Amino acid sequence: MEENDIVKTSSGSVRGYSNRSVTKFKGIPYAEPPIGNLRFKPPVSIKPWDDIRDATMYSPVCPQPPSALEEMFSDPFPQNEADSLTLNIWTQKLNDEKRPVMFFIHGGAFRTGSGRALDGSRLVLRGDVVVVSINYRLGPFGFLYMPDVPDTSANIGLLDMVEALKWVRENINRFGGNPEEITIFGESAGAFAVHSLLATPSAKGLFKRAIVQSGYVTNFSCQPSTGIKIYETLTERLRIERGDIESLRKLPYEKIIEKLASFENAGQDVLSFTPTIDEDTLPENPYEAVKNGFAKDIDLFVGSNFDETKLWSVWVSGEDDFTEERLERRVNGIMRLVNQNEIKSKELIEVYKNLRKTPKDIFDAINTDYQFRIPSIRLAEAQSQHNKNTYMYLFSWKTPWEGGKYGAMHALELSFVFGILLDRDVGIFPRKTKETLELSEKMMDAWINFARSGNPNHKNIPELPPYDQEKRATIIFDKEVSIQQDPFGNERISWEGIL
């Protein structure tokens, strides 16, 4: 820590610090503590403080169960409910040069994760941008749909993001950023959130561009009927009657997290929290909203990883013993979720056999396309009808970790986008080599250029045309960066009428 830097914001003064040409501010509160009667309520703007607030340390993270992915990289972060609605800022200089702002929303299935997990310094140094990351309420604290309880929302976590964006828009000029040039970007659940914010009325005008990395809404997402089932299951597990909001608010957050974890460890279903369509905050399915032009003024960069769901194999035993019978059973399960039958399962499997070697490879490809690649294409198709600044990528660089069997798995691209390449492998993140450094620089420049202009192109990559449904130009990030038209088109076509 080389020196202190003090910035006066609309909420009060904060003290950050400069280190290696980057000025950092950590744990700045953007909303009142969501405790007591404010639990399960939309965020309340932070009340101004009088003293200079220390912003040299990260805040605790929002309440959450343990995350196997984050435990790959560090010990669990301290957490609490009262001091966790905060944001972090990385910048080069505190002047009025009006740099583009890159506002990152973390992933973690809307159950885990935090804004402190990825450092924005390398993006700042690479592109002279301002990077912001946030915490937002997770799990039942952020996404519990309680239609029988007044003054609550199914999308409190989304509203936290909106509140943070409002704070950034009001204050980021004091940190060297341009409030008129804000790009939101996120990965996994963070990308799902970005897609949802494209359809959130209260987020209108708060950002100009969006990058969506491996997380998408489909026609089958955000359904109130699913939210009600989760609400019923949670209250039953907690032995609280539906509608008894006071009892829910009195329960210590640790008890709620502990109860969720205990049922999951006992083999019960994991409760999947996501944004939910509701009249006030998310009145339309986000995919349909984008298709109908709600986000027509937003530039969009969208993509996925080639082997997304191979990451799940890290924690699931018996995945190496994957038979033809198991393949059919698992694909049948996917088809039931989208109202299709076994005939469609067989048709899909036959198409994917053309390029895949084993039943496990076939299933991973189908599952990846179901959850990520096809929804990413649908989003690009929808937005390209309204905004020519719509671009598409596919990340296919394969990790050498454990002999390369996990390929270009979910979350792998984050180390390249943030330039986090160390002198050794860290979990799924690869070490710095000439190859990984070159690819990271090309990807960082694409993300930075998009944030600056709405166009990811730069001199070190082939020219990427905007996405359209005729040519479907896609940039492939791999050992060699290339442009392909309609990559894996036969597989894409096989999903028509399904997703």
Protein backbone atom coordinates (compact mmCIF):
# COMPACT_ATOMS: atom_id res chain seq x y z
CA MET A 1 0.00 0.00 0.00
CA GLU A 2 1.79 3.10 -1.22
CA GLU A 3 -0.49 6.02 -0.42
CA ASN A 4 -3.96 7.00 0.68
CA ASP A 5 -6.49 8.48 -1.73
CA ILE A 6 -9.64 10.23 -0.50
CA VAL A 7 -12.70 10.77 -2.68
CA LYS A 8 -15.82 12.64 -1.63
CA THR A 9 -18.93 10.83 -2.87
CA SER A 10 -22.61 11.67 -2.55
CA SER A 11 -22.68 9.25 0.40
CA GLY A 12 -19.59 10.60 2.14
CA SER A 13 -15.84 10.50 1.82
CA VAL A 14 -13.94 7.23 1.28
CA ARG A 15 -10.26 6.47 1.66
CA GLY A 16 -8.69 4.04 -0.78
CA TYR A 17 -5.10 3.37 -1.66
CA SER A 18 -2.79 3.23 -4.67
CA ASN A 19 -0.60 0.28 -5.43
CA ARG A 20 1.38 -0.42 -8.63
CA SER A 21 -0.32 2.36 -10.60
CA VAL A 22 -3.85 1.26 -9.66
CA THR A 23 -6.02 3.09 -7.14
CA LYS A 24 -8.37 0.77 -5.27
CA PHE A 25 -11.46 1.38 -3.19
CA LYS A 26 -12.97 -1.66 -1.48
CA GLY A 27 -16.15 -2.31 0.44
CA ILE A 28 -17.99 0.95 -0.30
CA PRO A 29 -21.63 0.54 0.87
CA TYR A 30 -24.25 1.43 -1.72
CA ALA A 31 -27.36 0.48 0.32
CA GLU A 32 -28.50 0.34 3.90
CA PRO A 33 -27.83 -2.93 5.77
CA PRO A 34 -30.61 -5.36 4.69
CA ILE A 35 -31.38 -6.56 8.20
CA GLY A 36 -34.41 -6.54 10.48
CA ASN A 37 -37.43 -5.20 8.62
CA LEU A 38 -35.29 -4.57 5.54
CA ARG A 39 -34.62 -8.27 5.00
CA PHE A 40 -36.57 -9.45 1.91
CA LYS A 41 -37.23 -5.82 0.94
CA PRO A 42 -35.82 -3.85 -2.00
CA PRO A 43 -32.60 -2.00 -1.17
CA VAL A 44 -32.72 1.36 0.57
CA SER A 45 -30.17 3.94 -0.57
CA ILE A 46 -27.28 4.29 1.83
CA LYS A 47 -27.55 7.16 4.30
CA PRO A 48 -24.64 9.61 4.07
CA TRP A 49 -21.88 9.33 6.66
CA ASP A 50 -19.84 12.18 8.16
CA ASP A 51 -16.40 10.73 8.78
CA ILE A 52 -13.95 9.52 6.16
CA ARG A 53 -14.80 5.86 5.62
CA ASP A 54 -11.96 3.39 5.26
CA ALA A 55 -12.19 1.65 1.88
CA THR A 56 -8.92 -0.27 1.90
CA MET A 57 -10.36 -3.67 2.82
CA TYR A 58 -13.03 -5.82 1.23
CA SER A 59 -16.32 -6.13 3.09
CA PRO A 60 -17.75 -9.48 4.17
CA VAL A 61 -19.62 -11.34 1.44
CA CYS A 62 -23.38 -11.86 1.37
CA PRO A 63 -24.68 -14.89 3.33
CA GLN A 64 -24.17 -18.09 1.34
CA PRO A 65 -23.42 -21.79 1.68
CA PRO A 66 -19.92 -23.12 0.92
CA SER A 67 -18.84 -23.04 -2.74
CA ALA A 68 -16.68 -25.85 -4.07
CA LEU A 69 -15.48 -23.67 -6.95
CA GLU A 70 -14.36 -20.76 -4.75
CA GLU A 71 -12.70 -23.15 -2.31
CA MET A 72 -10.39 -24.12 -5.20
CA PHE A 73 -8.78 -20.70 -4.94
CA SER A 74 -8.94 -19.59 -1.30
CA ASP A 75 -10.35 -20.16 2.14
CA PRO A 76 -14.00 -19.13 2.56
CA PHE A 77 -14.45 -15.37 2.82
CA PRO A 78 -16.00 -13.90 5.98
CA GLN A 79 -19.70 -13.24 5.54
CA ASN A 80 -22.52 -11.42 7.24
CA GLU A 81 -25.83 -9.84 6.36
CA ALA A 82 -25.32 -6.36 7.76
CA ASP A 83 -22.22 -5.11 5.96
CA SER A 84 -22.23 -6.91 2.65
CA LEU A 85 -24.08 -4.67 0.16
CA THR A 86 -20.91 -3.04 -1.08
CA LEU A 87 -18.95 -2.34 -4.25
CA ASN A 88 -15.28 -2.17 -5.20
CA ILE A 89 -13.60 0.22 -7.64
CA TRP A 90 -10.29 0.00 -9.52
CA THR A 91 -9.01 3.02 -11.46
CA GLN A 92 -5.75 4.54 -12.68
CA LYS A 93 -6.31 8.17 -11.83
CA LEU A 94 -8.82 10.24 -9.91
CA ASN A 95 -9.30 12.88 -12.57
CA ASP A 96 -11.98 13.94 -15.04
CA GLU A 97 -10.77 12.02 -18.11
CA LYS A 98 -14.08 10.10 -18.22
CA ARG A 99 -12.87 6.57 -18.75
CA PRO A 100 -15.22 3.74 -19.80
CA VAL A 101 -16.68 1.88 -16.82
CA MET A 102 -16.82 -1.93 -16.70
CA PHE A 103 -19.35 -3.02 -14.06
CA PHE A 104 -18.89 -6.72 -13.21
CA ILE A 105 -21.59 -9.00 -11.76
CA HIS A 106 -20.22 -12.23 -10.27
CA GLY A 107 -21.59 -15.71 -10.82
CA GLY A 108 -22.31 -18.56 -8.43
CA ALA A 109 -25.79 -19.86 -9.33
CA PHE A 110 -27.36 -16.94 -7.42
CA ARG A 111 -26.36 -18.85 -4.28
CA THR A 112 -22.65 -18.08 -3.82
CA GLY A 113 -19.91 -15.71 -4.95
CA SER A 114 -18.81 -12.13 -4.32
CA GLY A 115 -17.36 -9.06 -5.94
CA ARG A 116 -14.01 -9.62 -4.25
CA ALA A 117 -13.20 -12.85 -6.07
CA LEU A 118 -11.70 -11.22 -9.19
CA ASP A 119 -9.31 -8.26 -9.12
CA GLY A 120 -9.88 -5.62 -11.79
CA SER A 121 -6.33 -4.20 -11.78
CA ARG A 122 -5.08 -5.84 -14.98
CA LEU A 123 -8.06 -4.62 -17.01
CA VAL A 124 -7.45 -1.13 -15.64
CA LEU A 125 -3.77 -1.18 -16.57
CA ARG A 126 -4.41 -2.77 -19.95
CA GLY A 127 -7.13 -0.41 -21.15
CA ASP A 128 -7.29 2.63 -18.86
CA VAL A 129 -10.84 1.78 -17.84
CA VAL A 130 -12.56 1.91 -14.47
CA VAL A 131 -13.67 -1.48 -13.14
CA VAL A 132 -16.43 -1.93 -10.57
CA SER A 133 -17.54 -5.14 -8.89
CA ILE A 134 -20.42 -5.64 -6.46
CA ASN A 135 -21.98 -7.87 -3.85
CA TYR A 136 -25.70 -8.54 -4.13
CA ARG A 137 -28.08 -10.60 -2.01
CA LEU A 138 -28.07 -14.30 -2.81
CA GLY A 139 -30.26 -17.37 -2.43
CA PRO A 140 -33.45 -16.83 -0.41
CA PHE A 141 -32.25 -13.40 0.72
CA GLY A 142 -32.13 -12.13 -2.86
CA PHE A 143 -34.44 -14.27 -4.97
CA LEU A 144 -37.27 -15.71 -2.86
CA TYR A 145 -40.63 -15.40 -4.59
CA MET A 146 -43.32 -14.73 -1.93
CA PRO A 147 -46.44 -13.57 -3.78
CA ASP A 148 -48.54 -13.70 -0.60
CA VAL A 149 -46.28 -11.25 1.27
CA PRO A 150 -46.73 -7.52 0.54
CA ASP A 151 -43.80 -5.11 0.16
CA THR A 152 -41.37 -7.82 -0.94
CA SER A 153 -40.01 -8.67 -4.37
CA ALA A 154 -39.01 -11.84 -6.18
CA ASN A 155 -35.99 -10.00 -7.54
CA ILE A 156 -34.34 -8.26 -4.62
CA GLY A 157 -30.90 -9.34 -5.85
CA LEU A 158 -31.59 -7.69 -9.21
CA LEU A 159 -32.76 -4.55 -7.44
CA ASP A 160 -29.50 -4.55 -5.46
CA MET A 161 -27.68 -4.44 -8.81
CA VAL A 162 -29.88 -1.56 -9.94
CA GLU A 163 -29.16 0.33 -6.72
CA ALA A 164 -25.42 -0.23 -7.18
CA LEU A 165 -25.67 1.00 -10.78
CA LYS A 166 -27.46 4.13 -9.58
CA TRP A 167 -24.68 4.78 -7.06
CA VAL A 168 -22.03 4.25 -9.73
CA ARG A 169 -23.79 6.48 -12.22
CA GLU A 170 -23.97 9.26 -9.63
CA ASN A 171 -20.42 8.94 -8.34
CA ILE A 172 -18.10 7.25 -10.82
CA ASN A 173 -16.95 10.56 -12.35
CA ARG A 174 -15.20 11.22 -9.04
CA PHE A 175 -13.14 8.06 -9.64
CA GLY A 176 -12.13 8.95 -13.19
CA GLY A 177 -15.05 7.16 -14.88
CA ASN A 178 -17.69 8.26 -17.37
CA PRO A 179 -21.26 7.70 -16.12
CA GLU A 180 -22.48 7.80 -19.73
CA GLU A 181 -20.22 4.89 -20.77
CA ILE A 182 -21.11 2.03 -18.41
CA THR A 183 -20.85 -1.56 -19.63
CA ILE A 184 -22.30 -4.27 -17.42
CA PHE A 185 -20.73 -7.70 -17.76
CA GLY A 186 -21.11 -10.94 -15.89
CA GLU A 187 -20.40 -14.66 -16.01
CA SER A 188 -22.70 -17.61 -15.25
CA ALA A 189 -25.38 -16.36 -12.85
CA GLY A 190 -23.85 -12.92 -13.34
CA ALA A 191 -24.52 -13.27 -17.07
CA PHE A 192 -28.08 -14.44 -16.34
CA ALA A 193 -28.39 -11.28 -14.26
CA VAL A 194 -27.05 -9.13 -17.10
CA HIS A 195 -29.59 -10.69 -19.46
CA SER A 196 -32.31 -10.01 -16.87
CA LEU A 197 -31.21 -6.39 -16.40
CA LEU A 198 -31.72 -5.89 -20.14
CA ALA A 199 -35.42 -6.41 -19.36
CA THR A 200 -35.63 -4.65 -15.98
CA PRO A 201 -37.54 -1.35 -16.26
CA SER A 202 -35.80 0.25 -13.27
CA ALA A 203 -32.40 -0.40 -14.92
CA LYS A 204 -33.30 1.63 -18.02
CA GLY A 205 -30.72 4.31 -18.74
CA LEU A 206 -28.21 3.06 -16.17
CA PHE A 207 -25.87 1.33 -18.64
CA LYS A 208 -25.04 1.54 -22.34
CA ARG A 209 -23.56 -1.85 -23.19
CA ALA A 210 -23.67 -5.44 -21.97
CA ILE A 211 -21.37 -8.46 -22.17
CA VAL A 212 -23.02 -11.79 -21.41
CA GLN A 213 -20.63 -14.66 -20.59
CA SER A 214 -22.07 -18.16 -20.21
CA GLY A 215 -25.43 -17.54 -18.60
CA TYR A 216 -28.76 -17.02 -20.32
CA VAL A 217 -32.50 -16.82 -19.93
CA THR A 218 -34.75 -19.02 -22.09
CA ASN A 219 -38.52 -19.23 -22.55
CA PHE A 220 -38.51 -21.78 -19.73
CA SER A 221 -36.69 -19.54 -17.24
CA CYS A 222 -37.95 -17.19 -14.53
CA GLN A 223 -41.30 -18.94 -14.15
CA PRO A 224 -43.44 -17.93 -11.11
CA SER A 225 -44.63 -21.53 -10.74
CA THR A 226 -41.03 -22.59 -10.09
CA GLY A 227 -40.56 -19.76 -7.62
CA ILE A 228 -43.65 -20.81 -5.67
CA LYS A 229 -42.41 -24.40 -5.40
CA ILE A 230 -39.10 -23.19 -4.00
CA TYR A 231 -40.90 -20.92 -1.54
CA GLU A 232 -43.06 -23.80 -0.35
CA THR A 233 -40.08 -26.11 0.01
CA LEU A 234 -38.01 -23.57 1.91
CA THR A 235 -40.73 -22.64 4.41
CA GLU A 236 -41.48 -26.33 4.96
CA ARG A 237 -37.81 -27.07 5.66
CA LEU A 238 -37.61 -24.12 8.03
CA ARG A 239 -40.92 -25.17 9.66
CA ILE A 240 -42.40 -21.75 9.07
CA GLU A 241 -45.87 -21.17 7.65
CA ARG A 242 -46.14 -19.54 4.25
CA GLY A 243 -46.67 -15.82 4.61
CA ASP A 244 -45.10 -15.64 8.09
CA ILE A 245 -42.58 -13.03 7.05
CA GLU A 246 -41.89 -11.92 10.61
CA SER A 247 -40.62 -15.36 11.60
CA LEU A 248 -38.46 -15.45 8.48
CA ARG A 249 -37.00 -12.07 9.38
CA LYS A 250 -36.26 -13.09 12.95
CA LEU A 251 -34.32 -16.21 11.98
CA PRO A 252 -30.55 -15.63 12.10
CA TYR A 253 -29.16 -15.80 8.60
CA GLU A 254 -26.77 -18.52 9.75
CA LYS A 255 -29.73 -20.78 10.60
CA ILE A 256 -31.27 -20.33 7.16
CA ILE A 257 -27.99 -21.10 5.39
CA GLU A 258 -27.30 -24.04 7.71
CA LYS A 259 -30.73 -25.52 7.08
CA LEU A 260 -30.35 -25.22 3.32
CA ALA A 261 -26.93 -26.84 3.42
CA SER A 262 -28.04 -29.67 5.73
CA PHE A 263 -30.85 -30.75 3.43
CA GLU A 264 -28.61 -30.60 0.38
CA ASN A 265 -25.88 -32.60 2.12
CA ALA A 266 -28.51 -35.21 2.97
CA GLY A 267 -29.28 -35.68 -0.72
CA GLN A 268 -32.30 -33.37 -0.95
CA ASP A 269 -32.74 -31.21 -4.02
CA VAL A 270 -30.63 -28.07 -4.22
CA LEU A 271 -32.98 -25.08 -4.27
CA SER A 272 -32.28 -23.15 -7.47
CA PHE A 273 -32.85 -19.43 -6.98
CA THR A 274 -33.12 -17.17 -10.03
CA PRO A 275 -34.92 -13.97 -11.02
CA THR A 276 -38.67 -14.51 -11.44
CA ILE A 277 -41.18 -12.76 -13.65
CA ASP A 278 -43.30 -10.43 -11.54
CA GLU A 279 -45.48 -7.44 -12.27
CA ASP A 280 -43.34 -4.77 -10.63
CA THR A 281 -39.67 -5.55 -11.24
CA LEU A 282 -39.44 -8.03 -14.13
CA PRO A 283 -42.77 -7.90 -15.95
CA GLU A 284 -41.68 -9.97 -18.97
CA ASN A 285 -39.43 -12.96 -19.58
CA PRO A 286 -36.03 -11.35 -20.36
CA TYR A 287 -35.56 -13.33 -23.58
CA GLU A 288 -38.98 -12.23 -24.85
CA ALA A 289 -38.34 -8.65 -23.74
CA VAL A 290 -35.12 -8.47 -25.74
CA LYS A 291 -36.81 -10.13 -28.71
CA ASN A 292 -39.51 -7.46 -28.55
CA GLY A 293 -36.95 -4.65 -28.58
CA PHE A 294 -36.95 -3.58 -24.93
CA ALA A 295 -33.13 -3.35 -24.96
CA LYS A 296 -32.74 -2.03 -28.50
CA ASP A 297 -30.46 0.80 -27.36
CA ILE A 298 -27.95 -1.56 -25.70
CA ASP A 299 -24.84 -2.80 -27.54
CA LEU A 300 -24.31 -6.52 -26.89
CA PHE A 301 -21.35 -8.94 -26.86
CA VAL A 302 -22.42 -12.49 -26.08
CA GLY A 303 -20.88 -15.95 -25.97
CA SER A 304 -20.13 -19.22 -24.21
CA ASN A 305 -17.42 -21.83 -23.65
CA PHE A 306 -17.11 -24.94 -25.78
CA ASP A 307 -17.19 -27.47 -22.92
CA GLU A 308 -19.15 -25.58 -20.25
CA THR A 309 -20.69 -28.50 -18.39
CA LYS A 310 -17.51 -30.56 -18.14
CA LEU A 311 -16.86 -28.47 -15.02
CA TRP A 312 -19.69 -30.32 -13.27
CA SER A 313 -17.67 -33.54 -13.65
CA VAL A 314 -15.07 -32.18 -11.24
CA TRP A 315 -17.44 -32.86 -8.32
CA VAL A 316 -19.61 -35.73 -9.63
CA SER A 317 -18.30 -39.25 -9.11
CA GLY A 318 -18.75 -41.97 -11.71
CA GLU A 319 -18.74 -39.58 -14.67
CA ASP A 320 -15.98 -41.57 -16.38
CA ASP A 321 -18.21 -44.64 -16.55
CA PHE A 322 -20.78 -43.19 -18.94
CA THR A 323 -22.72 -45.73 -21.00
CA GLU A 324 -25.01 -45.38 -24.03
CA GLU A 325 -27.95 -46.18 -21.76
CA ARG A 326 -26.98 -43.44 -19.36
CA LEU A 327 -26.59 -41.02 -22.25
CA GLU A 328 -30.13 -41.69 -23.47
CA ARG A 329 -31.54 -41.42 -19.95
CA ARG A 330 -29.85 -38.08 -19.29
CA VAL A 331 -30.81 -36.56 -22.64
CA ASN A 332 -34.38 -37.76 -22.11
CA GLY A 333 -34.34 -35.84 -18.84
CA ILE A 334 -33.31 -32.65 -20.63
CA MET A 335 -35.96 -33.10 -23.28
CA ARG A 336 -38.69 -33.50 -20.66
CA LEU A 337 -37.68 -30.11 -19.24
CA VAL A 338 -38.42 -28.50 -22.60
CA ASN A 339 -41.59 -30.47 -23.32
CA GLN A 340 -40.02 -32.86 -25.85
CA ASN A 341 -40.09 -36.65 -26.06
CA GLU A 342 -37.67 -39.55 -26.52
CA ILE A 343 -37.85 -39.31 -30.30
CA LYS A 344 -36.29 -35.86 -30.13
CA SER A 345 -33.62 -37.21 -27.76
CA LYS A 346 -32.60 -39.85 -30.29
CA GLU A 347 -32.51 -37.28 -33.08
CA LEU A 348 -30.21 -35.01 -31.06
CA ILE A 349 -27.88 -37.84 -30.11
CA GLU A 350 -27.52 -38.92 -33.74
CA VAL A 351 -26.57 -35.37 -34.79
CA TYR A 352 -23.99 -35.00 -32.01
CA LYS A 353 -22.43 -38.39 -32.77
CA ASN A 354 -20.98 -36.93 -35.95
CA LEU A 355 -18.38 -34.89 -34.06
CA ARG A 356 -18.16 -36.51 -30.60
CA LYS A 357 -16.31 -39.68 -29.68
CA THR A 358 -17.84 -41.08 -26.48
CA PRO A 359 -21.26 -41.11 -24.76
CA LYS A 360 -19.85 -38.73 -22.14
CA ASP A 361 -18.59 -36.30 -24.80
CA ILE A 362 -21.95 -36.44 -26.55
CA PHE A 363 -23.85 -35.71 -23.35
CA ASP A 364 -21.51 -32.87 -22.32
CA ALA A 365 -21.96 -31.26 -25.74
CA ILE A 366 -25.76 -31.57 -25.65
CA ASN A 367 -25.92 -30.33 -22.06
CA THR A 368 -23.59 -27.42 -22.83
CA ASP A 369 -25.69 -26.40 -25.82
CA TYR A 370 -28.93 -26.76 -23.83
CA GLN A 371 -27.76 -24.61 -20.94
CA PHE A 372 -25.42 -22.14 -22.64
CA ARG A 373 -24.59 -22.08 -26.36
CA ILE A 374 -28.07 -22.28 -27.88
CA PRO A 375 -29.53 -19.72 -25.44
CA SER A 376 -26.56 -17.43 -26.25
CA ILE A 377 -27.37 -17.76 -29.95
CA ARG A 378 -31.05 -17.02 -29.29
CA LEU A 379 -30.09 -13.85 -27.43
CA ALA A 380 -27.79 -12.74 -30.26
CA GLU A 381 -30.50 -13.50 -32.81
CA ALA A 382 -33.05 -11.48 -30.83
CA GLN A 383 -30.88 -8.42 -30.18
CA SER A 384 -29.36 -8.30 -33.67
CA GLN A 385 -32.84 -7.53 -35.03
CA HIS A 386 -32.82 -4.24 -33.11
CA ASN A 387 -29.16 -3.22 -32.69
CA LYS A 388 -26.40 -3.75 -35.26
CA ASN A 389 -23.77 -3.62 -32.50
CA THR A 390 -24.39 -7.26 -31.56
CA TYR A 391 -21.35 -9.56 -31.58
CA MET A 392 -20.77 -13.21 -30.72
CA TYR A 393 -17.84 -15.26 -29.40
CA LEU A 394 -17.05 -18.88 -28.59
CA PHE A 395 -14.22 -19.65 -26.14
CA SER A 396 -12.64 -23.01 -27.00
CA TRP A 397 -9.17 -22.94 -25.41
CA LYS A 398 -8.82 -26.25 -23.56
CA THR A 399 -7.28 -26.36 -20.13
CA PRO A 400 -4.41 -28.84 -19.71
CA TRP A 401 -5.58 -29.41 -16.12
CA GLU A 402 -5.84 -33.13 -15.26
CA GLY A 403 -4.75 -34.18 -18.70
CA GLY A 404 -7.10 -31.86 -20.54
CA LYS A 405 -10.25 -33.87 -19.88
CA TYR A 406 -12.26 -30.79 -18.87
CA GLY A 407 -11.68 -28.87 -22.10
CA ALA A 408 -12.94 -25.29 -22.33
CA MET A 409 -15.08 -25.65 -19.25
CA HIS A 410 -17.39 -23.24 -17.48
CA ALA A 411 -15.67 -20.21 -15.85
CA LEU A 412 -12.31 -20.91 -17.51
CA GLU A 413 -12.47 -17.75 -19.64
CA LEU A 414 -12.53 -15.54 -16.54
CA SER A 415 -8.78 -15.85 -15.98
CA PHE A 416 -8.22 -14.61 -19.55
CA VAL A 417 -10.77 -11.78 -19.40
CA PHE A 418 -9.34 -10.45 -16.12
CA GLY A 419 -5.72 -11.27 -16.99
CA ILE A 420 -5.33 -13.40 -13.88
CA LEU A 421 -2.45 -15.62 -14.92
CA LEU A 422 0.00 -16.49 -12.15
CA ASP A 423 3.26 -18.45 -12.11
CA ARG A 424 1.40 -21.65 -11.26
CA ASP A 425 -1.97 -23.23 -11.97
CA VAL A 426 -4.61 -22.22 -9.42
CA GLY A 427 -7.56 -24.60 -9.47
CA ILE A 428 -9.01 -24.48 -12.97
CA PHE A 429 -7.16 -21.25 -13.80
CA PRO A 430 -4.02 -21.82 -15.91
CA ARG A 431 -0.57 -20.39 -15.25
CA LYS A 432 1.06 -17.68 -17.32
CA THR A 433 2.74 -18.93 -20.48
CA LYS A 434 3.41 -17.26 -23.80
CA GLU A 435 0.26 -18.91 -25.16
CA THR A 436 -2.07 -18.00 -22.30
CA LEU A 437 -0.70 -14.46 -22.03
CA GLU A 438 -1.21 -13.78 -25.75
CA LEU A 439 -4.77 -15.11 -25.66
CA SER A 440 -5.54 -13.16 -22.49
CA GLU A 441 -4.30 -9.91 -24.01
CA LYS A 442 -6.42 -10.43 -27.12
CA MET A 443 -9.50 -11.13 -25.01
CA MET A 444 -8.92 -8.25 -22.60
CA ASP A 445 -8.53 -5.88 -25.55
CA ALA A 446 -11.77 -7.19 -27.09
CA TRP A 447 -13.69 -6.67 -23.84
CA ILE A 448 -12.10 -3.24 -23.30
CA ASN A 449 -12.72 -2.06 -26.87
CA PHE A 450 -16.33 -3.16 -26.65
CA ALA A 451 -16.72 -1.18 -23.41
CA ARG A 452 -15.15 1.82 -25.12
CA SER A 453 -17.01 1.77 -28.44
CA GLY A 454 -19.59 -1.02 -28.64
CA ASN A 455 -17.29 -2.93 -31.00
CA PRO A 456 -14.83 -5.61 -29.75
CA ASN A 457 -12.50 -5.41 -32.76
CA HIS A 458 -8.84 -4.42 -32.45
CA LYS A 459 -5.67 -4.82 -34.50
CA ASN A 460 -4.56 -8.13 -32.95
CA ILE A 461 -7.63 -10.20 -33.89
CA PRO A 462 -9.36 -10.94 -37.21
CA GLU A 463 -12.18 -8.57 -38.10
CA LEU A 464 -15.42 -9.73 -36.45
CA PRO A 465 -18.56 -8.61 -38.30
CA PRO A 466 -21.77 -7.94 -36.34
CA TYR A 467 -23.94 -11.00 -35.78
CA ASP A 468 -26.77 -11.75 -38.18
CA GLN A 469 -28.88 -14.81 -38.87
CA GLU A 470 -27.53 -15.24 -42.39
CA LYS A 471 -23.78 -15.56 -41.75
CA ARG A 472 -23.71 -15.92 -37.95
CA ALA A 473 -20.13 -14.65 -37.68
CA THR A 474 -18.51 -15.78 -34.43
CA ILE A 475 -15.04 -15.11 -33.07
CA ILE A 476 -13.34 -18.24 -31.73
CA PHE A 477 -10.94 -17.62 -28.87
CA ASP A 478 -8.41 -20.47 -28.88
CA LYS A 479 -4.68 -20.97 -29.43
CA GLU A 480 -5.36 -19.26 -32.72
CA VAL A 481 -8.10 -16.64 -32.81
CA SER A 482 -10.32 -17.02 -35.86
CA ILE A 483 -13.68 -16.02 -37.31
CA GLN A 484 -16.15 -18.74 -38.26
CA GLN A 485 -19.57 -18.50 -39.79
CA ASP A 486 -22.19 -20.54 -37.96
CA PRO A 487 -19.79 -22.82 -36.04
CA PHE A 488 -21.30 -26.28 -35.40
CA GLY A 489 -24.26 -25.25 -37.48
CA ASN A 490 -25.75 -28.75 -37.77
CA GLU A 491 -25.93 -29.00 -34.01
CA ARG A 492 -27.47 -25.53 -33.79
CA ILE A 493 -30.12 -26.45 -36.35
CA SER A 494 -31.05 -29.58 -34.37
CA TRP A 495 -32.35 -27.33 -31.55
CA GLU A 496 -34.81 -25.43 -33.72
CA GLY A 497 -38.29 -25.84 -32.31
CA ILE A 498 -36.86 -26.89 -28.92
CA LEU A 499 -35.16 -23.79 -27.54
